[in-house]
Amino acid sequence: MRLRWHRGLALGLLVLFLVSLSATQGRIAKVRQEGNYRGAGLPIERLAELPVQDLSLVTIGAILGGFRSVVANILWLKCDEYWHQGRVFRLVPLAKAVVLLEPHFIEAWRITAWHLAYNMSVEAPTPEKAREYIEMGLKFLEEGIKWNPDRYELFFELGWTYYDKLNEYEKAAAIFQQALQKKDEFGSRPPTYIWRMIAHAYERYPRIDEAVRWWQIDAQVEPDHPVHRGALQTIHERYVRAWEHFERGELDEAMAALLEDWQKDDPYDTIGMHFKARIYERKQDIDRAIETWFEAARHSAVDKLARRRVIELCRLTGRPLPQGINDVGLPTEVRDEWDRWFQENLGRHAP
């Protein structure tokens, strides 16, 4: 009796599959031809990508029967359960199934990318594997943007991941500016903090002129907000005079102005350290540029831009890399090794 019931269920699912496939083939062909990622959902031909171990026969039947949004919501609840159980590596494949079924589910794209770029990257056994997970998170957001090109949220998350996880500030600023051209689900403009994030990104690169411009835009958009007032005051007091010399190619004057205006307040300010290193790079003084980036990296364990520039400039000049340096993380136990490397390779410039 049970065998007969299973045969009937299998036959019913097969019929549903064939009917659904027949009804959607024209649409699938059109999507494939036009590259249109804004379709109604998962093409039948992509069912093989679903994590079968997490799907019941009833769930598969619902998918084939046209109840994809319902199934996506159920699977998303399962993802939440996995998250609270600490089973992130089990969660991600199921979350990918959710966006296959419901590609306009913004939160699923956003949170899954966060798990990849943040939670899974910090659990990675090596810096290389951590970078791989971050890249997977970025690619996941890019895929979500293809399906949702008019929504600001995924553009912002992509920009934030470049800003926060990789410190690729110019790239982040460009993506944040794309986000400003989009809307939310109600057709309203994006939140004003995106203007401020653009300014912060240009500060840290640094591009002082662009940072000032975007803080001024923020002042026009939200004149009563207190952040732009303090930011503009600090930038003008510490960096603008040096930046004007820098823009004119007056590099000695730029360095003198920077040291006079900046170091009287905070000699380890990230913006100032980055600016100082950029001046040395423009002067072609690679030794001092590496030294400055190196000091910035040693001072801040989260300054990935500084570590990346040390790597790039060491490779450019044929220097050996200090043990433990990478553009993802810096274990504290390698600090003594860094100190030895610094004295051997750059100590002649130390004060």
Protein backbone atom coordinates (compact mmCIF):
# COMPACT_ATOMS: atom_id res chain seq x y z
CA MET A 1 0.00 0.00 0.00
CA ARG A 2 2.80 2.40 0.96
CA LEU A 3 4.70 1.56 -2.25
CA ARG A 4 1.60 2.33 -4.32
CA TRP A 5 1.20 5.67 -2.50
CA HIS A 6 4.83 6.63 -3.19
CA ARG A 7 4.42 5.76 -6.88
CA GLY A 8 1.34 7.95 -7.06
CA LEU A 9 3.14 10.86 -5.42
CA ALA A 10 6.12 10.49 -7.74
CA LEU A 11 3.82 10.39 -10.76
CA GLY A 12 2.00 13.49 -9.55
CA LEU A 13 5.26 15.38 -9.06
CA LEU A 14 6.41 14.34 -12.52
CA VAL A 15 3.19 15.67 -14.05
CA LEU A 16 3.58 18.95 -12.16
CA PHE A 17 7.18 19.18 -13.35
CA LEU A 18 6.28 18.65 -17.00
CA VAL A 19 3.40 21.14 -16.85
CA SER A 20 5.59 23.78 -15.17
CA LEU A 21 8.45 23.17 -17.58
CA SER A 22 6.18 23.48 -20.61
CA ALA A 23 4.62 26.68 -19.31
CA THR A 24 7.95 28.36 -18.59
CA GLN A 25 10.20 27.31 -21.46
CA GLY A 26 9.35 30.35 -23.56
CA ARG A 27 10.10 32.67 -20.72
CA ILE A 28 13.35 30.88 -19.86
CA ALA A 29 14.50 31.22 -23.47
CA LYS A 30 13.71 34.93 -23.44
CA VAL A 31 15.61 35.45 -20.18
CA ARG A 32 18.57 33.53 -21.57
CA GLN A 33 18.54 35.53 -24.79
CA GLU A 34 18.15 39.01 -23.30
CA GLY A 35 20.22 38.52 -20.16
CA ASN A 36 17.25 39.77 -18.20
CA TYR A 37 17.76 39.01 -14.51
CA ARG A 38 14.45 40.54 -13.46
CA GLY A 39 12.27 37.54 -14.16
CA ALA A 40 9.74 35.93 -11.86
CA GLY A 41 12.14 33.50 -10.23
CA LEU A 42 14.05 30.28 -10.55
CA PRO A 43 14.12 28.67 -14.01
CA ILE A 44 13.22 24.99 -13.85
CA GLU A 45 16.60 24.07 -15.29
CA ARG A 46 18.29 25.42 -12.13
CA LEU A 47 16.51 23.09 -9.72
CA ALA A 48 19.66 21.01 -9.50
CA GLU A 49 21.32 23.88 -7.64
CA LEU A 50 18.97 23.53 -4.67
CA PRO A 51 20.31 21.82 -1.51
CA VAL A 52 18.26 18.63 -1.75
CA GLN A 53 19.28 17.47 1.73
CA ASP A 54 17.28 20.36 3.21
CA LEU A 55 14.17 19.94 1.04
CA SER A 56 11.31 17.56 1.63
CA LEU A 57 9.22 16.01 -1.15
CA VAL A 58 6.40 18.35 -0.18
CA THR A 59 8.73 21.35 -0.54
CA ILE A 60 9.94 20.21 -3.95
CA GLY A 61 6.36 19.65 -5.01
CA ALA A 62 5.45 23.17 -3.89
CA ILE A 63 8.33 24.59 -5.91
CA LEU A 64 7.23 22.76 -9.02
CA GLY A 65 3.63 23.70 -8.37
CA GLY A 66 4.29 27.43 -8.46
CA PHE A 67 4.51 28.18 -4.72
CA ARG A 68 8.10 29.37 -4.84
CA SER A 69 7.63 32.47 -2.69
CA VAL A 70 5.98 30.41 0.04
CA VAL A 71 8.79 27.87 -0.05
CA ALA A 72 11.39 30.65 -0.03
CA ASN A 73 9.87 32.07 3.15
CA ILE A 74 9.84 28.65 4.81
CA LEU A 75 13.46 28.02 3.86
CA TRP A 76 14.42 31.47 5.13
CA LEU A 77 12.99 30.56 8.53
CA LYS A 78 15.18 27.46 8.40
CA CYS A 79 18.17 29.70 7.63
CA ASP A 80 17.36 31.75 10.73
CA GLU A 81 17.25 28.54 12.76
CA TYR A 82 20.67 27.51 11.44
CA TRP A 83 22.05 30.95 12.30
CA HIS A 84 20.93 30.73 15.91
CA GLN A 85 22.41 27.24 16.10
CA GLY A 86 25.77 28.56 14.88
CA ARG A 87 25.59 26.45 11.71
CA VAL A 88 26.61 29.18 9.27
CA PHE A 89 28.25 26.79 6.82
CA ARG A 90 24.95 24.88 6.56
CA LEU A 91 22.98 28.10 6.31
CA VAL A 92 24.63 29.57 3.22
CA PRO A 93 23.70 26.84 0.69
CA LEU A 94 20.10 27.00 1.87
CA ALA A 95 20.10 30.81 1.68
CA LYS A 96 21.34 30.56 -1.89
CA ALA A 97 18.34 28.36 -2.60
CA VAL A 98 16.10 31.08 -1.17
CA VAL A 99 17.31 33.68 -3.65
CA LEU A 100 17.09 31.18 -6.50
CA LEU A 101 13.42 30.77 -5.64
CA GLU A 102 12.74 34.43 -4.83
CA PRO A 103 15.40 36.62 -6.46
CA HIS A 104 13.76 39.88 -5.37
CA PHE A 105 14.09 38.99 -1.67
CA ILE A 106 16.56 41.77 -0.79
CA GLU A 107 17.19 40.70 2.80
CA ALA A 108 18.19 37.21 1.72
CA TRP A 109 20.81 38.58 -0.67
CA ARG A 110 22.08 41.06 1.90
CA ILE A 111 22.30 38.76 4.90
CA THR A 112 23.76 35.82 2.97
CA ALA A 113 26.52 38.06 1.60
CA TRP A 114 27.17 39.26 5.15
CA HIS A 115 27.55 35.68 6.36
CA LEU A 116 30.04 34.99 3.57
CA ALA A 117 32.12 38.16 3.84
CA TYR A 118 32.03 38.48 7.61
CA ASN A 119 31.07 35.39 9.62
CA MET A 120 32.62 32.77 7.36
CA SER A 121 35.73 34.82 6.57
CA VAL A 122 36.64 35.19 10.24
CA GLU A 123 36.29 31.43 10.70
CA ALA A 124 38.61 30.74 7.77
CA PRO A 125 41.80 28.81 8.62
CA THR A 126 44.08 30.99 6.45
CA PRO A 127 44.15 34.61 5.21
CA GLU A 128 43.85 33.31 1.65
CA LYS A 129 40.67 31.41 2.52
CA ALA A 130 39.33 34.46 4.34
CA ARG A 131 39.87 36.56 1.22
CA GLU A 132 38.09 33.87 -0.80
CA TYR A 133 34.99 34.10 1.40
CA ILE A 134 35.02 37.90 1.17
CA GLU A 135 35.17 37.65 -2.63
CA MET A 136 32.27 35.18 -2.55
CA GLY A 137 30.24 37.70 -0.57
CA LEU A 138 31.04 40.45 -3.07
CA LYS A 139 30.09 38.25 -6.03
CA PHE A 140 26.86 37.26 -4.29
CA LEU A 141 25.90 40.93 -3.92
CA GLU A 142 26.78 41.59 -7.56
CA GLU A 143 24.46 38.75 -8.59
CA GLY A 144 21.72 40.20 -6.42
CA ILE A 145 22.17 43.59 -8.08
CA LYS A 146 21.61 41.99 -11.50
CA TRP A 147 18.21 40.84 -10.29
CA ASN A 148 17.43 44.09 -8.46
CA PRO A 149 19.14 46.90 -10.37
CA ASP A 150 16.75 49.61 -9.18
CA ARG A 151 17.13 49.06 -5.43
CA TYR A 152 19.76 50.92 -3.42
CA GLU A 153 20.22 48.39 -0.62
CA LEU A 154 22.48 45.90 -2.38
CA PHE A 155 24.60 48.67 -3.92
CA PHE A 156 25.12 50.04 -0.43
CA GLU A 157 26.04 46.63 0.99
CA LEU A 158 28.51 46.07 -1.84
CA GLY A 159 30.11 49.46 -1.22
CA TRP A 160 30.19 48.87 2.52
CA THR A 161 31.93 45.51 2.11
CA TYR A 162 34.63 47.08 -0.06
CA TYR A 163 34.93 49.92 2.47
CA ASP A 164 34.96 47.89 5.67
CA LYS A 165 36.39 44.48 4.79
CA LEU A 166 38.94 45.44 2.12
CA ASN A 167 39.49 49.19 2.66
CA GLU A 168 39.19 49.75 -1.10
CA TYR A 169 37.95 53.27 -0.51
CA GLU A 170 37.80 54.70 -4.02
CA LYS A 171 35.87 51.67 -5.26
CA ALA A 172 33.53 51.91 -2.28
CA ALA A 173 32.89 55.60 -2.94
CA ALA A 174 32.02 54.90 -6.58
CA ILE A 175 29.54 52.16 -5.58
CA PHE A 176 27.98 54.36 -2.88
CA GLN A 177 27.40 56.99 -5.58
CA GLN A 178 25.60 54.38 -7.66
CA ALA A 179 23.41 53.61 -4.65
CA LEU A 180 22.34 57.25 -4.52
CA GLN A 181 20.77 56.89 -7.98
CA LYS A 182 18.46 54.08 -6.80
CA LYS A 183 15.31 53.85 -4.66
CA ASP A 184 13.97 51.76 -1.83
CA GLU A 185 11.01 49.38 -2.10
CA PHE A 186 8.57 52.30 -1.77
CA GLY A 187 10.24 54.42 -4.45
CA SER A 188 11.80 56.79 -1.92
CA ARG A 189 15.35 58.09 -2.10
CA PRO A 190 18.15 56.32 -0.20
CA PRO A 191 19.02 57.36 3.37
CA THR A 192 21.26 60.38 3.81
CA TYR A 193 24.01 58.47 5.61
CA ILE A 194 25.20 57.29 2.19
CA TRP A 195 26.39 60.83 1.42
CA ARG A 196 28.43 60.71 4.62
CA MET A 197 29.87 57.30 3.77
CA ILE A 198 31.15 58.69 0.45
CA ALA A 199 32.87 61.51 2.33
CA HIS A 200 34.39 59.08 4.83
CA ALA A 201 35.69 56.88 2.01
CA TYR A 202 37.42 59.81 0.30
CA GLU A 203 38.91 60.92 3.63
CA ARG A 204 40.59 57.60 4.20
CA TYR A 205 42.04 57.11 0.70
CA PRO A 206 42.67 60.13 0.96
CA ARG A 207 41.13 62.47 -1.61
CA ILE A 208 40.71 65.54 0.54
CA ASP A 209 39.10 67.65 -2.19
CA GLU A 210 36.41 65.01 -2.82
CA ALA A 211 35.87 64.50 0.90
CA VAL A 212 35.22 68.22 1.34
CA ARG A 213 32.88 68.27 -1.66
CA TRP A 214 30.77 65.40 -0.32
CA TRP A 215 30.62 66.84 3.19
CA GLN A 216 29.37 70.06 1.63
CA ILE A 217 26.73 68.10 -0.31
CA ASP A 218 25.71 66.41 2.94
CA ALA A 219 25.35 69.85 4.54
CA GLN A 220 22.94 70.84 1.77
CA VAL A 221 20.96 67.60 1.96
CA GLU A 222 20.67 67.56 5.75
CA PRO A 223 21.74 71.00 7.04
CA ASP A 224 20.91 70.31 10.70
CA HIS A 225 22.97 67.13 10.97
CA PRO A 226 25.95 67.70 13.31
CA VAL A 227 28.48 65.33 11.67
CA HIS A 228 29.37 67.39 8.60
CA ARG A 229 30.12 70.45 10.71
CA GLY A 230 32.78 68.72 12.77
CA ALA A 231 34.14 66.84 9.76
CA LEU A 232 34.58 69.98 7.65
CA GLN A 233 36.19 71.83 10.54
CA THR A 234 38.68 69.00 11.19
CA ILE A 235 39.56 68.59 7.51
CA HIS A 236 40.17 72.31 7.03
CA GLU A 237 42.28 72.54 10.18
CA ARG A 238 44.44 69.50 9.46
CA TYR A 239 44.58 68.70 5.76
CA VAL A 240 43.30 71.32 3.31
CA ARG A 241 46.43 73.50 3.24
CA ALA A 242 48.64 70.46 2.64
CA TRP A 243 46.25 69.11 0.00
CA GLU A 244 46.36 72.37 -1.97
CA HIS A 245 50.16 72.10 -2.13
CA PHE A 246 49.85 68.42 -3.05
CA GLU A 247 47.49 69.18 -5.93
CA ARG A 248 49.93 71.76 -7.32
CA GLY A 249 52.80 69.27 -7.13
CA GLU A 250 54.52 71.20 -4.32
CA LEU A 251 55.35 68.05 -2.41
CA ASP A 252 57.91 69.40 0.07
CA GLU A 253 55.51 72.18 1.00
CA ALA A 254 52.67 69.65 1.25
CA MET A 255 54.66 67.52 3.69
CA ALA A 256 55.67 70.53 5.77
CA ALA A 257 52.08 71.78 5.96
CA LEU A 258 50.76 68.32 6.81
CA LEU A 259 53.26 67.81 9.63
CA GLU A 260 52.58 71.29 10.99
CA ASP A 261 48.78 71.16 10.82
CA TRP A 262 48.14 67.48 11.48
CA GLN A 263 50.79 66.21 13.89
CA LYS A 264 50.19 68.96 16.43
CA ASP A 265 46.87 67.21 17.17
CA ASP A 266 47.18 63.46 16.56
CA PRO A 267 50.34 61.92 15.04
CA TYR A 268 48.63 58.55 14.53
CA ASP A 269 45.49 59.73 12.80
CA THR A 270 44.65 57.27 9.99
CA ILE A 271 43.85 59.98 7.44
CA GLY A 272 47.09 61.82 8.15
CA MET A 273 49.19 58.64 8.00
CA HIS A 274 47.66 57.70 4.65
CA PHE A 275 48.16 61.24 3.31
CA LYS A 276 51.79 61.25 4.44
CA ALA A 277 52.41 57.92 2.70
CA ARG A 278 50.77 59.19 -0.52
CA ILE A 279 53.08 62.22 -0.52
CA TYR A 280 56.12 59.96 -0.27
CA GLU A 281 54.76 57.81 -3.09
CA ARG A 282 54.30 60.89 -5.29
CA LYS A 283 57.88 61.94 -4.44
CA GLN A 284 59.07 58.46 -5.52
CA ASP A 285 60.56 58.01 -2.05
CA ILE A 286 59.51 54.37 -1.84
CA ASP A 287 61.53 53.62 1.31
CA ARG A 288 59.74 56.25 3.32
CA ALA A 289 56.40 55.40 1.72
CA ILE A 290 56.74 51.78 2.84
CA GLU A 291 57.89 52.93 6.27
CA THR A 292 54.82 55.14 6.67
CA TRP A 293 52.36 52.52 5.46
CA PHE A 294 54.13 50.01 7.69
CA GLU A 295 53.73 52.24 10.76
CA ALA A 296 50.05 52.79 9.93
CA ALA A 297 49.54 49.03 9.66
CA ARG A 298 51.34 48.35 12.94
CA HIS A 299 49.31 50.98 14.73
CA SER A 300 45.91 49.73 13.52
CA ALA A 301 45.10 46.04 13.15
CA VAL A 302 42.14 46.91 10.92
CA ASP A 303 44.03 49.13 8.46
CA LYS A 304 43.94 46.78 5.48
CA LEU A 305 44.80 49.54 3.00
CA ALA A 306 48.12 50.14 4.78
CA ARG A 307 48.97 46.44 4.77
CA ARG A 308 48.04 46.14 1.11
CA ARG A 309 50.30 49.07 0.18
CA VAL A 310 53.20 47.52 2.12
CA ILE A 311 52.69 44.31 0.13
CA GLU A 312 52.42 46.12 -3.21
CA LEU A 313 55.43 48.38 -2.66
CA CYS A 314 57.61 45.56 -1.29
CA ARG A 315 56.84 43.48 -4.35
CA LEU A 316 57.48 46.46 -6.61
CA THR A 317 60.95 46.98 -5.12
CA GLY A 318 61.87 43.33 -4.58
CA ARG A 319 61.85 43.47 -0.78
CA PRO A 320 60.85 40.40 1.22
CA LEU A 321 57.48 40.68 2.93
CA PRO A 322 57.40 40.69 6.72
CA GLN A 323 56.05 37.45 8.13
CA GLY A 324 52.33 37.52 8.84
CA ILE A 325 51.45 40.55 6.74
CA ASN A 326 48.46 40.18 4.47
CA ASP A 327 45.58 42.33 3.27
CA VAL A 328 42.91 40.53 5.31
CA GLY A 329 44.10 40.15 8.89
CA LEU A 330 47.08 40.73 11.13
CA PRO A 331 47.56 38.25 14.00
CA THR A 332 48.93 40.04 17.08
CA GLU A 333 51.51 37.30 17.70
CA VAL A 334 53.55 38.39 14.65
CA ARG A 335 54.20 41.91 15.98
CA ASP A 336 57.72 41.03 17.23
CA GLU A 337 58.56 39.61 13.80
CA TRP A 338 57.35 42.86 12.26
CA ASP A 339 59.64 44.83 14.56
CA ARG A 340 62.66 42.78 13.45
CA TRP A 341 61.71 43.16 9.79
CA PHE A 342 61.30 46.89 10.23
CA GLN A 343 64.76 47.34 11.71
CA GLU A 344 66.40 45.18 9.03
CA ASN A 345 64.68 46.80 6.05
CA LEU A 346 63.62 50.31 7.04
CA GLY A 347 65.37 51.09 10.31
CA ARG A 348 67.68 53.62 8.70
CA HIS A 349 64.71 55.96 8.29
CA ALA A 350 63.45 55.59 11.84
CA PRO A 351 63.67 58.77 13.95
